[in-house]
Amino acid sequence: MNPSKGRFDWWSPRVPFDPARCPFFYGWVVVAVATVGIVFSIPGQTMGFSVFTNILMAELGLSRVQLSLAYCVGTVMSGLSLPYLGRTFDRFGARKMVVGSAMATGLVLLYLSQTRKVIDLLLAWSPAWLSATVVSFGVILVGFFLIRASAQGVLTLTSRNVMGKWFDYYRGPVLAYSGVATAFAFSSAPRFLDLLITRFGWDGAWMVLGWTTLSVMVVLGWLFFRDNPEECGLRMDGDRAGAKKKVAHADTVIHRDYTRSEALRTWAFWTFNGTFVFVAFNHTAFTFHIESIGAEAGRVRTEVIGYFVPIAFVSVATTLLSGWASPHSRLKYHLALMNGAALLGVLGLIQLRSSWGVAAFIAGNGMCGGFFVSLSGLVWPRFFGRRSLGAISGVGMSSMVIASGLGPLMFSLSQRFLGSYGPILWLSGLVPGTLLVASFWADNPQRRERDGANSDSRKD
């Protein structure tokens, strides 16, 4: 009950149970359910759309460029909404946000399952001069916008951020453990979704996913999510973390919380975020067009889809190593390795016809994805604190989402007007090469706070 209002408070951290009474640190429960939340975002990720690309082109009567353009516009629109939604996360907390975003994701999936019927209905009531292509484009664009905002945007942002709010010293290993599960889930998603499509049809597959999200993730989010340990009478990392923190790297100590505007004025933010943006751009693009890219390199569909499995194994190993090392090392060196791996992955994709190209593509993208899983959830709370975590990560997520929309479009334009994916791939390779050099100056801003405090103490 809420004594001040005399009514039951559904959002109380002690409803339906008190996390403080859990026989072990409740943060591990939050991590487990947050990991499930990231898995439930797959239908809104490019990995979840890749198996639908050719089907949608045939069903909706859209060309590859037209479908990529709808994906781009819808994704950019969703990305522009995320800075506001990030501030909403800071205001309302993780529990309300995960329930709302999971509910929205489920409803949007049900809408996508009815895409063909919606198009037919609109065509029946539209003027004769309005073509079926325009109607199909508009209907799928709305679907892309809504699913990218709800699933890839808010559901992912909330699930990652809540883990960062429950752990400090163990944040790197926690994200690594979560990354292991999500890596295998994402890598197996194309095969799983392909099985759903075979069994239920493309529209039935989205319907199954929609009802599952509404009946499972919404309930799990309300039952087990809590915004932070303090509201539950607990501490970050659990009661035994104090002794461990004494041996933590100096860069893991938070001297003050940064505001969003302060974070955006740092070199570190833009170097790390620039790398994340490139990964979103590149990985989304080649995943969206993987069948076409494979065909251009003389690889069959089943073979190129199968590449995601070994990529997942490399990603898992990298995530675990990065997570284990993160409490004891400076993140800018992890970032440099990530950019080197991204460059290797691009070169591998360019040379996909050769066996060494396939190996480079798998190794590079696996390592890059592993570092991404570790760093994307670790760097913002470690560099800028927790107070404005939603606002800061919202800007980062917004730019990543926008880039993930532009990637498939740019790749399709290269293939359509230049006759190959080669030109865009060579151009893309310049980005991680440049960011690799920039990484060595991407120091933790907390170091300045520490050095300033030490300087003041010496003056005193």
Protein backbone atom coordinates (compact mmCIF):
# COMPACT_ATOMS: atom_id res chain seq x y z
CA MET A 1 0.00 0.00 0.00
CA ASN A 2 0.97 3.64 -0.51
CA PRO A 3 0.19 5.28 2.86
CA SER A 4 0.07 8.82 1.49
CA LYS A 5 -2.50 7.93 -1.15
CA GLY A 6 -4.28 5.06 0.59
CA ARG A 7 -4.02 2.74 -2.40
CA PHE A 8 -1.94 -0.13 -3.65
CA ASP A 9 1.30 0.90 -5.38
CA TRP A 10 1.98 -1.50 -8.26
CA TRP A 11 5.41 0.07 -8.84
CA SER A 12 6.74 -0.13 -5.30
CA PRO A 13 10.19 -1.85 -5.28
CA ARG A 14 8.79 -4.20 -2.61
CA VAL A 15 5.86 -5.34 -4.77
CA PRO A 16 5.27 -8.23 -5.39
CA PHE A 17 8.27 -9.15 -3.19
CA ASP A 18 11.14 -7.44 -1.37
CA PRO A 19 14.49 -7.86 -3.22
CA ALA A 20 16.35 -7.25 0.05
CA ARG A 21 15.08 -10.60 1.30
CA CYS A 22 16.63 -12.48 -1.61
CA PRO A 23 19.18 -15.06 -0.26
CA PHE A 24 21.80 -13.73 -2.71
CA PHE A 25 22.50 -10.32 -4.22
CA TYR A 26 19.40 -9.36 -6.18
CA GLY A 27 21.45 -7.64 -8.89
CA TRP A 28 22.09 -11.04 -10.46
CA VAL A 29 18.34 -11.50 -10.91
CA VAL A 30 18.18 -8.11 -12.62
CA VAL A 31 21.05 -9.12 -14.92
CA ALA A 32 19.32 -12.37 -15.89
CA VAL A 33 16.01 -10.70 -16.72
CA ALA A 34 17.71 -7.76 -18.46
CA THR A 35 19.54 -10.27 -20.64
CA VAL A 36 16.19 -11.80 -21.55
CA GLY A 37 15.01 -8.27 -22.38
CA ILE A 38 17.88 -7.82 -24.86
CA VAL A 39 17.01 -11.17 -26.45
CA PHE A 40 13.39 -10.03 -26.82
CA SER A 41 14.66 -6.98 -28.74
CA ILE A 42 15.86 -9.25 -31.60
CA PRO A 43 12.71 -8.72 -33.74
CA GLY A 44 13.61 -5.02 -33.84
CA GLN A 45 17.28 -5.63 -34.60
CA THR A 46 18.65 -6.02 -38.10
CA MET A 47 19.50 -9.61 -37.21
CA GLY A 48 15.78 -10.16 -36.75
CA PHE A 49 14.91 -8.49 -40.06
CA SER A 50 17.57 -10.06 -42.26
CA VAL A 51 15.58 -13.25 -42.94
CA PHE A 52 12.50 -11.18 -43.84
CA THR A 53 14.27 -8.92 -46.38
CA ASN A 54 13.75 -10.95 -49.57
CA ILE A 55 10.30 -12.11 -48.41
CA LEU A 56 9.12 -8.52 -47.83
CA MET A 57 10.45 -7.43 -51.21
CA ALA A 58 8.32 -10.10 -52.88
CA GLU A 59 5.23 -9.71 -50.68
CA LEU A 60 5.12 -5.91 -50.73
CA GLY A 61 6.29 -5.41 -54.30
CA LEU A 62 9.24 -3.24 -53.24
CA SER A 63 12.74 -3.19 -54.70
CA ARG A 64 15.83 -3.61 -52.53
CA VAL A 65 16.50 0.14 -52.62
CA GLN A 66 12.87 0.97 -51.77
CA LEU A 67 12.80 -1.44 -48.82
CA SER A 68 16.20 -0.17 -47.62
CA LEU A 69 14.94 3.41 -47.89
CA ALA A 70 11.85 2.61 -45.82
CA TYR A 71 14.09 0.91 -43.27
CA CYS A 72 16.41 3.92 -43.23
CA VAL A 73 13.69 6.55 -42.82
CA GLY A 74 11.88 4.56 -40.15
CA THR A 75 15.10 3.91 -38.28
CA VAL A 76 16.25 7.54 -38.44
CA MET A 77 12.86 8.67 -37.15
CA SER A 78 13.13 6.25 -34.23
CA GLY A 79 16.69 7.35 -33.54
CA LEU A 80 15.66 10.98 -33.28
CA SER A 81 13.20 10.05 -30.53
CA LEU A 82 15.75 8.29 -28.33
CA PRO A 83 17.41 11.30 -26.64
CA TYR A 84 13.99 12.20 -25.23
CA LEU A 85 13.28 8.59 -24.30
CA GLY A 86 16.68 8.40 -22.59
CA ARG A 87 15.71 11.32 -20.35
CA THR A 88 12.42 9.53 -19.73
CA PHE A 89 14.43 6.56 -18.46
CA ASP A 90 16.14 8.84 -15.90
CA ARG A 91 12.75 10.16 -14.82
CA PHE A 92 10.63 6.99 -14.58
CA GLY A 93 13.25 4.28 -14.01
CA ALA A 94 14.01 0.93 -15.57
CA ARG A 95 10.97 -1.00 -14.35
CA LYS A 96 8.32 1.22 -15.92
CA MET A 97 10.38 1.64 -19.07
CA VAL A 98 10.91 -2.09 -19.64
CA VAL A 99 7.21 -2.85 -19.18
CA GLY A 100 6.21 -0.03 -21.52
CA SER A 101 8.78 -0.86 -24.20
CA ALA A 102 8.04 -4.61 -24.10
CA MET A 103 4.32 -3.93 -24.41
CA ALA A 104 4.95 -1.58 -27.34
CA THR A 105 7.24 -4.16 -29.00
CA GLY A 106 4.59 -6.87 -28.76
CA LEU A 107 1.87 -4.64 -30.20
CA VAL A 108 4.08 -3.48 -33.08
CA LEU A 109 4.92 -7.08 -33.96
CA LEU A 110 1.20 -7.81 -34.16
CA TYR A 111 0.85 -4.80 -36.48
CA LEU A 112 3.68 -6.11 -38.68
CA SER A 113 1.96 -9.49 -38.88
CA GLN A 114 -1.04 -7.72 -40.44
CA THR A 115 0.98 -5.68 -42.93
CA ARG A 116 -0.52 -7.33 -46.01
CA LYS A 117 -4.07 -6.88 -44.72
CA VAL A 118 -3.44 -3.24 -43.81
CA ILE A 119 -2.09 -2.56 -47.31
CA ASP A 120 -5.08 -4.24 -48.96
CA LEU A 121 -7.49 -2.27 -46.77
CA LEU A 122 -5.80 1.05 -47.55
CA LEU A 123 -5.71 0.28 -51.26
CA ALA A 124 -9.45 -0.44 -51.20
CA TRP A 125 -10.15 3.00 -49.71
CA SER A 126 -7.39 5.02 -51.40
CA PRO A 127 -7.81 7.10 -54.59
CA ALA A 128 -6.99 5.39 -57.85
CA TRP A 129 -3.91 7.55 -58.49
CA LEU A 130 -2.21 6.29 -55.30
CA SER A 131 -0.02 3.35 -56.31
CA ALA A 132 0.35 0.10 -54.42
CA THR A 133 4.09 0.79 -54.11
CA VAL A 134 3.51 4.05 -52.22
CA VAL A 135 1.01 2.42 -49.87
CA SER A 136 3.28 -0.55 -49.20
CA PHE A 137 6.22 1.78 -48.61
CA GLY A 138 4.24 3.85 -46.10
CA VAL A 139 2.85 0.88 -44.20
CA ILE A 140 6.20 -0.87 -43.75
CA LEU A 141 7.92 2.45 -42.94
CA VAL A 142 5.54 2.92 -39.99
CA GLY A 143 6.30 -0.61 -38.86
CA PHE A 144 10.04 -0.07 -39.13
CA PHE A 145 9.83 3.17 -37.14
CA LEU A 146 7.78 1.67 -34.32
CA ILE A 147 9.72 -1.59 -33.95
CA ARG A 148 13.11 0.14 -34.10
CA ALA A 149 12.07 2.69 -31.47
CA SER A 150 10.45 0.20 -29.09
CA ALA A 151 12.66 -2.90 -29.43
CA GLN A 152 16.08 -1.88 -30.72
CA GLY A 153 15.83 1.49 -28.99
CA VAL A 154 14.12 1.61 -25.62
CA LEU A 155 14.00 -2.09 -24.71
CA THR A 156 17.72 -2.49 -25.43
CA LEU A 157 18.70 0.80 -23.78
CA THR A 158 16.72 -0.01 -20.64
CA SER A 159 18.05 -3.55 -20.33
CA ARG A 160 21.67 -2.47 -20.73
CA ASN A 161 21.43 0.55 -18.47
CA VAL A 162 19.79 -1.28 -15.58
CA MET A 163 22.77 -3.66 -15.36
CA GLY A 164 25.09 -0.66 -15.11
CA LYS A 165 23.03 0.77 -12.26
CA TRP A 166 23.26 -2.40 -10.14
CA PHE A 167 26.98 -3.12 -10.56
CA ASP A 168 30.14 -1.05 -10.33
CA TYR A 169 33.27 -3.15 -9.74
CA TYR A 170 31.68 -6.20 -11.35
CA ARG A 171 30.11 -4.23 -14.21
CA GLY A 172 32.54 -5.51 -16.84
CA PRO A 173 32.23 -9.21 -15.96
CA VAL A 174 28.45 -8.87 -15.60
CA LEU A 175 28.12 -7.42 -19.09
CA ALA A 176 30.40 -10.19 -20.35
CA TYR A 177 28.21 -12.91 -18.83
CA SER A 178 25.12 -11.26 -20.30
CA GLY A 179 26.91 -10.91 -23.61
CA VAL A 180 27.57 -14.63 -23.80
CA ALA A 181 23.86 -15.39 -23.70
CA THR A 182 22.89 -12.62 -26.10
CA ALA A 183 25.65 -13.49 -28.57
CA PHE A 184 24.38 -17.04 -28.96
CA ALA A 185 20.78 -15.82 -29.08
CA PHE A 186 21.54 -13.29 -31.81
CA SER A 187 23.66 -15.71 -33.83
CA SER A 188 20.95 -18.38 -33.75
CA ALA A 189 18.15 -15.89 -34.42
CA PRO A 190 18.26 -16.13 -38.26
CA ARG A 191 17.90 -19.92 -38.18
CA PHE A 192 15.20 -19.78 -35.50
CA LEU A 193 13.23 -17.11 -37.36
CA ASP A 194 13.62 -19.04 -40.59
CA LEU A 195 12.05 -22.05 -38.86
CA LEU A 196 9.16 -19.88 -37.61
CA ILE A 197 8.60 -18.56 -41.13
CA THR A 198 8.64 -22.09 -42.55
CA ARG A 199 6.17 -23.27 -39.92
CA PHE A 200 3.80 -20.27 -39.67
CA GLY A 201 4.57 -18.06 -42.67
CA TRP A 202 6.25 -14.65 -42.45
CA ASP A 203 3.15 -12.99 -40.98
CA GLY A 204 2.50 -15.85 -38.57
CA ALA A 205 6.10 -15.67 -37.34
CA TRP A 206 5.64 -12.02 -36.35
CA MET A 207 2.33 -12.87 -34.67
CA VAL A 208 3.96 -15.60 -32.57
CA LEU A 209 6.73 -13.22 -31.56
CA GLY A 210 4.24 -10.48 -30.69
CA TRP A 211 2.07 -12.58 -28.40
CA THR A 212 5.15 -14.14 -26.77
CA THR A 213 6.56 -10.71 -26.00
CA LEU A 214 3.28 -9.53 -24.47
CA SER A 215 2.76 -12.63 -22.37
CA VAL A 216 6.35 -13.21 -21.25
CA MET A 217 8.57 -10.11 -21.32
CA VAL A 218 5.99 -7.67 -20.01
CA VAL A 219 5.32 -9.94 -17.03
CA LEU A 220 9.01 -10.66 -16.36
CA GLY A 221 9.83 -6.95 -16.50
CA TRP A 222 7.20 -6.00 -13.92
CA LEU A 223 7.99 -8.93 -11.63
CA PHE A 224 11.77 -8.70 -11.50
CA PHE A 225 13.08 -5.34 -12.72
CA ARG A 226 14.06 -2.77 -10.09
CA ASP A 227 15.60 0.57 -11.03
CA ASN A 228 18.57 0.58 -8.64
CA PRO A 229 19.84 -1.17 -5.48
CA GLU A 230 19.41 1.89 -3.25
CA GLU A 231 15.63 1.94 -3.60
CA CYS A 232 15.65 -1.67 -2.36
CA GLY A 233 17.88 -0.94 0.63
CA LEU A 234 20.90 -2.57 -1.05
CA ARG A 235 24.30 -1.45 -2.36
CA MET A 236 25.89 -1.77 -5.79
CA ASP A 237 27.73 -5.09 -6.26
CA GLY A 238 26.37 -6.53 -3.00
CA ASP A 239 27.60 -6.36 0.57
CA ARG A 240 30.96 -8.01 -0.08
CA ALA A 241 32.09 -5.66 -2.84
CA GLY A 242 33.94 -3.20 -0.57
CA ALA A 243 37.04 -5.32 -0.16
CA LYS A 244 37.19 -6.02 -3.89
CA LYS A 245 37.06 -2.33 -4.80
CA LYS A 246 40.40 -1.70 -3.07
CA VAL A 247 42.22 -3.48 -5.88
CA ALA A 248 40.19 -1.95 -8.72
CA HIS A 249 41.91 0.13 -11.38
CA ALA A 250 42.00 3.87 -10.65
CA ASP A 251 39.90 4.54 -13.77
CA THR A 252 36.95 2.68 -12.23
CA VAL A 253 36.49 5.23 -9.43
CA ILE A 254 33.69 7.76 -10.01
CA HIS A 255 34.67 11.19 -8.69
CA ARG A 256 31.55 13.00 -9.92
CA ASP A 257 28.51 12.56 -12.15
CA TYR A 258 28.57 14.36 -15.50
CA THR A 259 25.55 15.99 -17.10
CA ARG A 260 24.68 15.17 -20.69
CA SER A 261 26.04 18.49 -21.99
CA GLU A 262 29.31 17.98 -20.11
CA ALA A 263 29.69 14.44 -21.48
CA LEU A 264 29.11 15.65 -25.04
CA ARG A 265 32.03 18.06 -24.71
CA THR A 266 34.57 15.28 -24.14
CA TRP A 267 36.82 13.64 -26.73
CA ALA A 268 36.18 10.26 -25.12
CA PHE A 269 32.43 10.40 -25.71
CA TRP A 270 32.75 11.05 -29.43
CA THR A 271 35.55 8.55 -29.99
CA PHE A 272 33.75 5.72 -28.21
CA ASN A 273 30.40 6.72 -29.68
CA GLY A 274 31.90 7.09 -33.15
CA THR A 275 33.13 3.52 -32.94
CA PHE A 276 29.74 2.26 -31.76
CA VAL A 277 28.10 4.20 -34.59
CA PHE A 278 30.35 2.60 -37.19
CA VAL A 279 29.63 -0.87 -35.82
CA ALA A 280 25.89 -0.15 -35.99
CA PHE A 281 26.26 1.15 -39.57
CA ASN A 282 28.45 -1.68 -40.86
CA HIS A 283 26.99 -4.65 -39.02
CA THR A 284 23.43 -3.61 -39.82
CA ALA A 285 24.28 -3.14 -43.49
CA PHE A 286 25.99 -6.46 -44.11
CA THR A 287 23.45 -8.35 -41.99
CA PHE A 288 20.52 -6.77 -43.85
CA HIS A 289 22.03 -7.65 -47.25
CA ILE A 290 23.97 -10.77 -46.26
CA GLU A 291 22.31 -13.00 -48.85
CA SER A 292 22.98 -10.53 -51.66
CA ILE A 293 26.56 -9.85 -50.54
CA GLY A 294 27.17 -13.58 -50.34
CA ALA A 295 25.75 -14.12 -53.81
CA GLU A 296 28.05 -11.41 -55.20
CA ALA A 297 31.00 -13.29 -53.68
CA GLY A 298 29.77 -16.63 -55.02
CA ARG A 299 28.54 -17.89 -51.64
CA VAL A 300 25.18 -19.62 -51.23
CA ARG A 301 22.50 -18.46 -48.79
CA THR A 302 22.88 -21.25 -46.22
CA GLU A 303 26.64 -20.76 -46.13
CA VAL A 304 26.62 -17.02 -45.43
CA ILE A 305 23.86 -17.32 -42.83
CA GLY A 306 25.97 -20.00 -41.18
CA TYR A 307 28.84 -17.51 -40.70
CA PHE A 308 26.98 -15.98 -37.77
CA VAL A 309 27.53 -19.09 -35.63
CA PRO A 310 31.37 -18.98 -35.56
CA ILE A 311 31.14 -15.20 -35.26
CA ALA A 312 29.16 -15.78 -32.07
CA PHE A 313 31.84 -18.07 -30.62
CA VAL A 314 34.58 -15.50 -31.31
CA SER A 315 32.34 -12.77 -29.89
CA VAL A 316 31.71 -14.74 -26.69
CA ALA A 317 35.42 -15.36 -26.11
CA THR A 318 36.21 -11.69 -26.71
CA THR A 319 33.40 -10.50 -24.48
CA LEU A 320 34.59 -12.71 -21.61
CA LEU A 321 38.22 -11.60 -21.96
CA SER A 322 37.29 -7.93 -22.24
CA GLY A 323 34.89 -8.16 -19.31
CA TRP A 324 37.46 -9.93 -17.15
CA ALA A 325 40.17 -7.36 -17.98
CA SER A 326 37.99 -4.23 -17.76
CA PRO A 327 38.21 -3.67 -13.97
CA HIS A 328 42.01 -3.71 -14.22
CA SER A 329 42.69 -1.78 -17.43
CA ARG A 330 42.00 1.42 -19.35
CA LEU A 331 39.08 1.16 -21.75
CA LYS A 332 40.77 3.16 -24.51
CA TYR A 333 43.01 0.17 -25.22
CA HIS A 334 39.96 -2.06 -25.53
CA LEU A 335 38.56 0.52 -27.95
CA ALA A 336 41.73 0.46 -30.07
CA LEU A 337 41.51 -3.33 -30.35
CA MET A 338 37.83 -3.03 -31.26
CA ASN A 339 38.59 -0.66 -34.13
CA GLY A 340 41.40 -2.91 -35.35
CA ALA A 341 38.98 -5.84 -35.37
CA ALA A 342 36.36 -3.76 -37.21
CA LEU A 343 38.90 -2.93 -39.92
CA LEU A 344 39.81 -6.62 -40.23
CA GLY A 345 36.12 -7.49 -40.61
CA VAL A 346 35.64 -4.97 -43.43
CA LEU A 347 38.69 -6.28 -45.29
CA GLY A 348 37.36 -9.80 -44.89
CA LEU A 349 34.01 -8.82 -46.36
CA ILE A 350 35.76 -7.25 -49.35
CA GLN A 351 37.65 -10.50 -49.96
CA LEU A 352 34.76 -12.85 -49.12
CA ARG A 353 35.46 -14.92 -52.24
CA SER A 354 38.65 -16.23 -50.66
CA SER A 355 39.04 -18.51 -47.66
CA TRP A 356 41.21 -15.97 -45.83
CA GLY A 357 38.53 -13.35 -46.44
CA VAL A 358 35.92 -15.56 -44.78
CA ALA A 359 38.28 -16.14 -41.85
CA ALA A 360 38.98 -12.39 -41.51
CA PHE A 361 35.26 -11.59 -41.76
CA ILE A 362 34.42 -14.06 -38.98
CA ALA A 363 37.35 -13.19 -36.71
CA GLY A 364 37.10 -9.42 -37.18
CA ASN A 365 33.37 -9.13 -36.71
CA GLY A 366 33.39 -11.64 -33.85
CA MET A 367 36.03 -9.70 -31.92
CA CYS A 368 34.44 -6.36 -32.77
CA GLY A 369 31.03 -7.58 -31.60
CA GLY A 370 32.55 -8.93 -28.39
CA PHE A 371 34.18 -5.63 -27.53
CA PHE A 372 30.96 -3.82 -28.42
CA VAL A 373 28.93 -5.92 -25.97
CA SER A 374 31.42 -5.19 -23.20
CA LEU A 375 32.15 -1.53 -23.87
CA SER A 376 28.71 -0.23 -24.87
CA GLY A 377 27.24 -1.04 -21.46
CA LEU A 378 30.37 -0.28 -19.48
CA VAL A 379 31.81 2.98 -20.72
CA TRP A 380 29.02 5.50 -20.01
CA PRO A 381 28.48 4.77 -16.30
CA ARG A 382 32.24 4.36 -15.76
CA PHE A 383 33.16 7.59 -17.54
CA PHE A 384 30.19 9.79 -16.60
CA GLY A 385 28.43 8.28 -13.54
CA ARG A 386 24.82 7.17 -13.07
CA ARG A 387 22.83 10.36 -12.48
CA SER A 388 22.33 11.25 -16.17
CA LEU A 389 22.95 7.77 -17.53
CA GLY A 390 19.71 7.63 -19.50
CA ALA A 391 20.23 11.04 -21.12
CA ILE A 392 23.85 10.29 -22.08
CA SER A 393 23.23 6.76 -23.32
CA GLY A 394 20.11 8.04 -25.12
CA VAL A 395 22.28 10.27 -27.31
CA GLY A 396 24.59 7.36 -27.99
CA MET A 397 21.74 4.98 -28.77
CA SER A 398 20.08 7.60 -30.99
CA SER A 399 23.17 8.00 -33.16
CA MET A 400 23.65 4.23 -33.35
CA VAL A 401 20.05 3.68 -34.39
CA ILE A 402 20.28 6.37 -37.08
CA ALA A 403 23.51 4.84 -38.38
CA SER A 404 21.92 1.40 -38.43
CA GLY A 405 19.22 2.82 -40.70
CA LEU A 406 21.67 4.51 -43.05
CA GLY A 407 23.88 1.41 -43.42
CA PRO A 408 21.50 -0.80 -45.40
CA LEU A 409 20.49 2.13 -47.63
CA MET A 410 24.08 3.10 -48.47
CA PHE A 411 24.98 -0.52 -49.24
CA SER A 412 21.94 -0.95 -51.48
CA LEU A 413 22.73 2.31 -53.34
CA SER A 414 26.30 1.13 -53.93
CA GLN A 415 25.05 -2.16 -55.33
CA ARG A 416 22.31 -0.52 -57.42
CA PHE A 417 24.23 2.37 -58.98
CA LEU A 418 27.87 1.23 -58.80
CA GLY A 419 27.15 -2.43 -59.56
CA SER A 420 28.85 -3.81 -56.46
CA TYR A 421 29.13 -3.54 -52.68
CA GLY A 422 32.90 -3.05 -53.09
CA PRO A 423 32.96 0.79 -53.26
CA ILE A 424 31.00 1.30 -50.04
CA LEU A 425 33.10 -1.34 -48.29
CA TRP A 426 36.39 0.32 -49.24
CA LEU A 427 35.02 3.67 -48.08
CA SER A 428 33.80 2.12 -44.84
CA GLY A 429 37.27 0.80 -44.06
CA LEU A 430 38.58 4.35 -43.62
CA VAL A 431 36.41 4.90 -40.54
CA PRO A 432 37.76 2.25 -38.14
CA GLY A 433 41.28 3.03 -39.35
CA THR A 434 40.86 6.67 -38.31
CA LEU A 435 39.13 5.79 -35.04
CA LEU A 436 41.91 3.33 -34.22
CA VAL A 437 44.35 6.25 -34.06
CA ALA A 438 41.89 8.46 -32.17
CA SER A 439 41.36 5.75 -29.53
CA PHE A 440 44.71 6.42 -27.87
CA TRP A 441 43.53 9.87 -26.73
CA ALA A 442 40.11 8.68 -25.49
CA ASP A 443 40.96 8.90 -21.77
CA ASN A 444 38.43 8.53 -18.98
CA PRO A 445 37.25 12.05 -17.99
CA GLN A 446 37.26 10.91 -14.36
CA ARG A 447 41.07 10.99 -14.52
CA ARG A 448 40.93 14.78 -14.78
CA GLU A 449 38.66 14.92 -11.75
CA ARG A 450 41.07 12.71 -9.80
CA ASP A 451 44.13 14.70 -10.89
CA GLY A 452 42.37 17.95 -10.03
CA ALA A 453 41.43 16.68 -6.59
CA ASN A 454 44.99 15.52 -5.94
CA SER A 455 46.31 18.91 -7.06
CA ASP A 456 43.96 20.73 -4.70
CA SER A 457 44.93 18.51 -1.80
CA ARG A 458 48.63 19.22 -2.42
CA LYS A 459 47.88 22.96 -2.42
CA ASP A 460 46.08 22.64 0.89
